C-alpha atoms as a PDB file:
ATOM      1  CA  MET A   1     -24.687  75.270 -33.343  1.00  0.00           C
ATOM      2  CA  PRO A   2     -26.558  71.993 -32.970  1.00  0.00           C
ATOM      3  CA  ARG A   3     -29.780  72.316 -30.781  1.00  0.00           C
ATOM      4  CA  THR A   4     -29.864  70.143 -27.856  1.00  0.00           C
ATOM      5  CA  SER A   5     -31.916  69.042 -24.902  1.00  0.00           C
ATOM      6  CA  PRO A   6     -31.669  70.031 -21.631  1.00  0.00           C
ATOM      7  CA  GLY A   7     -28.743  68.624 -19.809  1.00  0.00           C
ATOM      8  CA  THR A   8     -27.049  68.121 -22.870  1.00  0.00           C
ATOM      9  CA  ALA A   9     -23.732  70.107 -24.111  1.00  0.00           C
ATOM     10  CA  ALA A  10     -22.448  70.513 -27.792  1.00  0.00           C
ATOM     11  CA  LEU A  11     -19.127  71.745 -29.423  1.00  0.00           C
ATOM     12  CA  THR A  12     -18.439  71.509 -33.218  1.00  0.00           C
ATOM     13  CA  THR A  13     -14.372  71.815 -33.488  1.00  0.00           C
ATOM     14  CA  GLY A  14     -12.345  70.815 -36.305  1.00  0.00           C
ATOM     15  CA  GLY A  15     -15.067  69.170 -38.477  1.00  0.00           C
ATOM     16  CA  VAL A  16     -16.263  66.779 -35.427  1.00  0.00           C
ATOM     17  CA  LEU A  17     -19.408  67.270 -33.955  1.00  0.00           C
ATOM     18  CA  LEU A  18     -19.069  66.376 -29.937  1.00  0.00           C
ATOM     19  CA  VAL A  19     -22.297  65.847 -28.523  1.00  0.00           C
ATOM     20  CA  THR A  20     -22.200  64.886 -24.235  1.00  0.00           C
ATOM     21  CA  VAL A  21     -24.945  63.884 -22.421  1.00  0.00           C
ATOM     22  CA  MET A  22     -24.384  63.596 -18.643  1.00  0.00           C
ATOM     23  CA  ALA A  23     -25.711  60.825 -16.174  1.00  0.00           C
ATOM     24  CA  GLY A  24     -29.229  61.023 -15.063  1.00  0.00           C
ATOM     25  CA  SER A  25     -30.647  62.861 -18.428  1.00  0.00           C
ATOM     26  CA  ALA A  26     -32.042  61.984 -21.118  1.00  0.00           C
ATOM     27  CA  SER A  27     -31.435  58.346 -22.372  1.00  0.00           C
ATOM     28  CA  ALA A  28     -30.474  59.136 -25.981  1.00  0.00           C
ATOM     29  CA  VAL A  29     -28.470  61.841 -27.351  1.00  0.00           C
ATOM     30  CA  GLY A  30     -29.066  63.038 -30.916  1.00  0.00           C
ATOM     31  CA  TRP A  31     -26.405  63.509 -33.472  1.00  0.00           C
ATOM     32  CA  GLY A  32     -25.973  64.537 -36.891  1.00  0.00           C
ATOM     33  CA  SER A  33     -25.957  65.286 -39.837  1.00  0.00           C
ATOM     34  CA  VAL A  34     -22.961  64.431 -41.059  1.00  0.00           C
ATOM     35  CA  THR A  35     -22.093  64.560 -44.897  1.00  0.00           C
ATOM     36  CA  ALA A  36     -19.578  62.229 -46.957  1.00  0.00           C
ATOM     37  CA  SER A  37     -18.594  64.190 -50.072  1.00  0.00           C
ATOM     38  CA  TYR A  38     -16.461  63.085 -53.407  1.00  0.00           C
ATOM     39  CA  ASP A  39     -15.219  65.978 -56.353  1.00  0.00           C
ATOM     40  CA  GLY A  40     -16.996  68.614 -55.138  1.00  0.00           C
ATOM     41  CA  LYS A  41     -20.246  66.333 -54.417  1.00  0.00           C
ATOM     42  CA  ALA A  42     -22.380  65.665 -51.246  1.00  0.00           C
ATOM     43  CA  ARG A  43     -22.444  61.704 -51.617  1.00  0.00           C
ATOM     44  CA  ALA A  44     -23.708  60.350 -48.277  1.00  0.00           C
ATOM     45  CA  THR A  45     -25.775  61.864 -45.194  1.00  0.00           C
ATOM     46  CA  ALA A  46     -26.408  60.373 -41.791  1.00  0.00           C
ATOM     47  CA  TYR A  47     -28.127  61.211 -38.442  1.00  0.00           C
ATOM     48  CA  GLY A  48     -29.191  59.370 -35.520  1.00  0.00           C
ATOM     49  CA  ASP A  49     -29.061  59.068 -31.776  1.00  0.00           C
ATOM     50  CA  PHE A  50     -26.718  57.275 -29.419  1.00  0.00           C
ATOM     51  CA  ARG A  51     -27.988  55.554 -26.017  1.00  0.00           C
ATOM     52  CA  ASN A  52     -27.313  53.690 -23.267  1.00  0.00           C
ATOM     53  CA  ASP A  53     -29.361  50.399 -23.992  1.00  0.00           C
ATOM     54  CA  GLN A  54     -30.164  48.914 -20.604  1.00  0.00           C
ATOM     55  CA  ASN A  55     -26.805  49.324 -19.192  1.00  0.00           C
ATOM     56  CA  ILE A  56     -25.452  46.744 -20.937  1.00  0.00           C
ATOM     57  CA  ASN A  57     -24.983  48.754 -24.345  1.00  0.00           C
ATOM     58  CA  ALA A  58     -23.915  51.410 -26.201  1.00  0.00           C
ATOM     59  CA  LYS A  59     -26.426  51.660 -29.328  1.00  0.00           C
ATOM     60  CA  ASN A  60     -26.083  53.550 -32.437  1.00  0.00           C
ATOM     61  CA  LYS A  61     -29.535  54.366 -34.102  1.00  0.00           C
ATOM     62  CA  VAL A  62     -28.192  55.480 -37.621  1.00  0.00           C
ATOM     63  CA  MET A  63     -30.058  56.974 -40.531  1.00  0.00           C
ATOM     64  CA  SER A  64     -28.209  57.323 -43.586  1.00  0.00           C
ATOM     65  CA  LYS A  65     -29.178  57.607 -47.189  1.00  0.00           C
ATOM     66  CA  ASP A  66     -27.551  58.249 -50.706  1.00  0.00           C
ATOM     67  CA  LEU A  67     -27.403  61.562 -52.005  1.00  0.00           C
ATOM     68  CA  ALA A  68     -25.900  61.130 -55.342  1.00  0.00           C
ATOM     69  CA  ALA A  69     -27.791  58.335 -56.686  1.00  0.00           C
ATOM     70  CA  ASP A  70     -24.694  57.633 -59.324  1.00  0.00           C
ATOM     71  CA  GLY A  71     -24.913  54.071 -58.447  1.00  0.00           C
ATOM     72  CA  ASN A  72     -21.912  53.992 -55.515  1.00  0.00           C
ATOM     73  CA  THR A  73     -23.592  52.589 -52.379  1.00  0.00           C
ATOM     74  CA  VAL A  74     -23.478  54.465 -48.797  1.00  0.00           C
ATOM     75  CA  TYR A  75     -22.690  52.865 -45.463  1.00  0.00           C
ATOM     76  CA  THR A  76     -21.982  54.229 -41.982  1.00  0.00           C
ATOM     77  CA  THR A  77     -19.122  53.235 -39.716  1.00  0.00           C
ATOM     78  CA  GLY A  78     -19.258  53.387 -36.043  1.00  0.00           C
ATOM     79  CA  ASN A  79     -16.070  53.404 -33.841  1.00  0.00           C
ATOM     80  CA  TRP A  80     -16.916  53.432 -29.824  1.00  0.00           C
ATOM     81  CA  TYR A  81     -14.325  55.319 -27.232  1.00  0.00           C
ATOM     82  CA  PHE A  82     -14.348  53.850 -23.694  1.00  0.00           C
ATOM     83  CA  GLU A  83     -12.899  56.557 -21.090  1.00  0.00           C
ATOM     84  CA  ASN A  84     -10.571  53.848 -19.737  1.00  0.00           C
ATOM     85  CA  GLY A  85      -8.672  53.505 -22.742  1.00  0.00           C
ATOM     86  CA  ALA A  86     -10.420  50.316 -24.850  1.00  0.00           C
ATOM     87  CA  GLU A  87     -11.298  51.155 -28.379  1.00  0.00           C
ATOM     88  CA  VAL A  88     -13.573  49.244 -30.919  1.00  0.00           C
ATOM     89  CA  HIS A  89     -13.173  50.381 -34.351  1.00  0.00           C
ATOM     90  CA  ALA A  90     -15.094  49.952 -37.546  1.00  0.00           C
ATOM     91  CA  LEU A  91     -18.397  48.251 -37.139  1.00  0.00           C
ATOM     92  CA  ASN A  92     -20.088  48.671 -40.481  1.00  0.00           C
ATOM     93  CA  THR A  93     -23.793  49.488 -41.778  1.00  0.00           C
ATOM     94  CA  PRO A  94     -24.791  47.157 -44.270  1.00  0.00           C
ATOM     95  CA  GLU A  95     -24.481  49.232 -47.735  1.00  0.00           C
ATOM     96  CA  HIS A  96     -27.043  50.436 -49.803  1.00  0.00           C
ATOM     97  CA  ASN A  97     -28.214  53.196 -52.550  1.00  0.00           C
ATOM     98  CA  HIS A  98     -31.631  54.142 -51.457  1.00  0.00           C
ATOM     99  CA  THR A  99     -32.229  57.952 -51.789  1.00  0.00           C
ATOM    100  CA  TYR A 100     -34.458  57.677 -48.706  1.00  0.00           C
ATOM    101  CA  TYR A 101     -33.611  57.283 -44.954  1.00  0.00           C
ATOM    102  CA  VAL A 102     -32.478  53.963 -44.234  1.00  0.00           C
ATOM    103  CA  THR A 103     -32.270  53.212 -40.408  1.00  0.00           C
ATOM    104  CA  HIS A 104     -29.705  50.650 -38.983  1.00  0.00           C
ATOM    105  CA  TYR A 105     -28.404  49.744 -35.597  1.00  0.00           C
ATOM    106  CA  LEU A 106     -24.826  49.536 -34.053  1.00  0.00           C
ATOM    107  CA  LYS A 107     -23.960  48.345 -31.163  1.00  0.00           C
ATOM    108  CA  HIS A 108     -20.934  47.512 -28.728  1.00  0.00           C
ATOM    109  CA  PRO A 109     -20.919  46.016 -24.788  1.00  0.00           C
ATOM    110  CA  LEU A 110     -20.338  48.974 -22.393  1.00  0.00           C
ATOM    111  CA  GLN A 111     -16.760  48.293 -20.830  1.00  0.00           C
ATOM    112  CA  PRO A 112     -17.741  47.599 -17.060  1.00  0.00           C
ATOM    113  CA  THR A 113     -14.526  49.760 -15.987  1.00  0.00           C
ATOM    114  CA  ALA A 114     -15.199  52.630 -18.037  1.00  0.00           C
ATOM    115  CA  LYS A 115     -17.499  55.407 -16.929  1.00  0.00           C
ATOM    116  CA  SER A 116     -18.392  57.229 -19.773  1.00  0.00           C
ATOM    117  CA  VAL A 117     -18.168  56.231 -23.700  1.00  0.00           C
ATOM    118  CA  ARG A 118     -18.380  58.105 -26.840  1.00  0.00           C
ATOM    119  CA  GLY A 119     -19.883  56.899 -30.250  1.00  0.00           C
ATOM    120  CA  GLY A 120     -17.852  58.254 -33.240  1.00  0.00           C
ATOM    121  CA  THR A 121     -19.915  57.880 -36.675  1.00  0.00           C
ATOM    122  CA  GLN A 122     -18.814  58.557 -40.128  1.00  0.00           C
ATOM    123  CA  ALA A 123     -21.210  58.410 -43.397  1.00  0.00           C
ATOM    124  CA  CYS A 124     -19.408  56.865 -46.138  1.00  0.00           C
ATOM    125  CA  VAL A 125     -19.669  56.539 -49.836  1.00  0.00           C
ATOM    126  CA  GLN A 126     -18.077  53.377 -51.957  1.00  0.00           C
ATOM    127  CA  LEU A 127     -16.702  54.605 -54.798  1.00  0.00           C
ATOM    128  CA  GLY A 128     -14.767  51.440 -56.169  1.00  0.00           C
ATOM    129  CA  TRP A 129     -11.312  50.880 -56.922  1.00  0.00           C
ATOM    130  CA  PRO A 130      -9.034  52.581 -57.397  1.00  0.00           C
ATOM    131  CA  VAL A 131     -11.019  55.321 -55.417  1.00  0.00           C
ATOM    132  CA  PRO A 132     -10.979  54.797 -51.424  1.00  0.00           C
ATOM    133  CA  ASP A 133     -14.251  55.171 -49.814  1.00  0.00           C
ATOM    134  CA  THR A 134     -14.969  58.742 -48.919  1.00  0.00           C
ATOM    135  CA  CYS A 135     -16.277  59.275 -45.374  1.00  0.00           C
ATOM    136  CA  SER A 136     -17.460  62.611 -43.452  1.00  0.00           C
ATOM    137  CA  ALA A 137     -16.296  63.485 -40.058  1.00  0.00           C
ATOM    138  CA  GLN A 138     -17.063  61.932 -36.765  1.00  0.00           C
ATOM    139  CA  ALA A 139     -20.127  62.800 -34.919  1.00  0.00           C
ATOM    140  CA  LEU A 140     -18.917  62.290 -31.300  1.00  0.00           C
ATOM    141  CA  PRO A 141     -21.865  61.974 -29.084  1.00  0.00           C
ATOM    142  CA  SER A 142     -20.856  60.511 -25.628  1.00  0.00           C
ATOM    143  CA  PHE A 143     -22.709  59.610 -22.206  1.00  0.00           C
ATOM    144  CA  ASP A 144     -21.952  58.808 -18.766  1.00  0.00           C
ATOM    145  CA  TYR A 145     -23.240  55.396 -17.187  1.00  0.00           C
END
């Protein structure tokens, strides 16, 4: 079970890491790590934190790195799921092939008609045509606002 701060609940189910922070507690929810594998080898990993950015944006700080150093690039993809049913899919970080952690930010405006949001984040590896990109399970941290 992932370690969480007071006021935070975590649950792993079906390969998806669920983390929730209650309104009024910590401003950022840590998530990760998630790892993308292909052909039996770990290729990309990512971790980060998901936060309410001044009640304007749901902001995801993402740290990712290339585990394979095989010439294929890695990236992360972000999705936002609002409790009012609104969804925003596939905002991606730039691709890189660094074997050290690279920091990127993904953000999306909060929905004024919603009261909570989940940030689905995956680590992915770009394998090149005709092999489709391989991505990890989603980390799904959330917060109420």
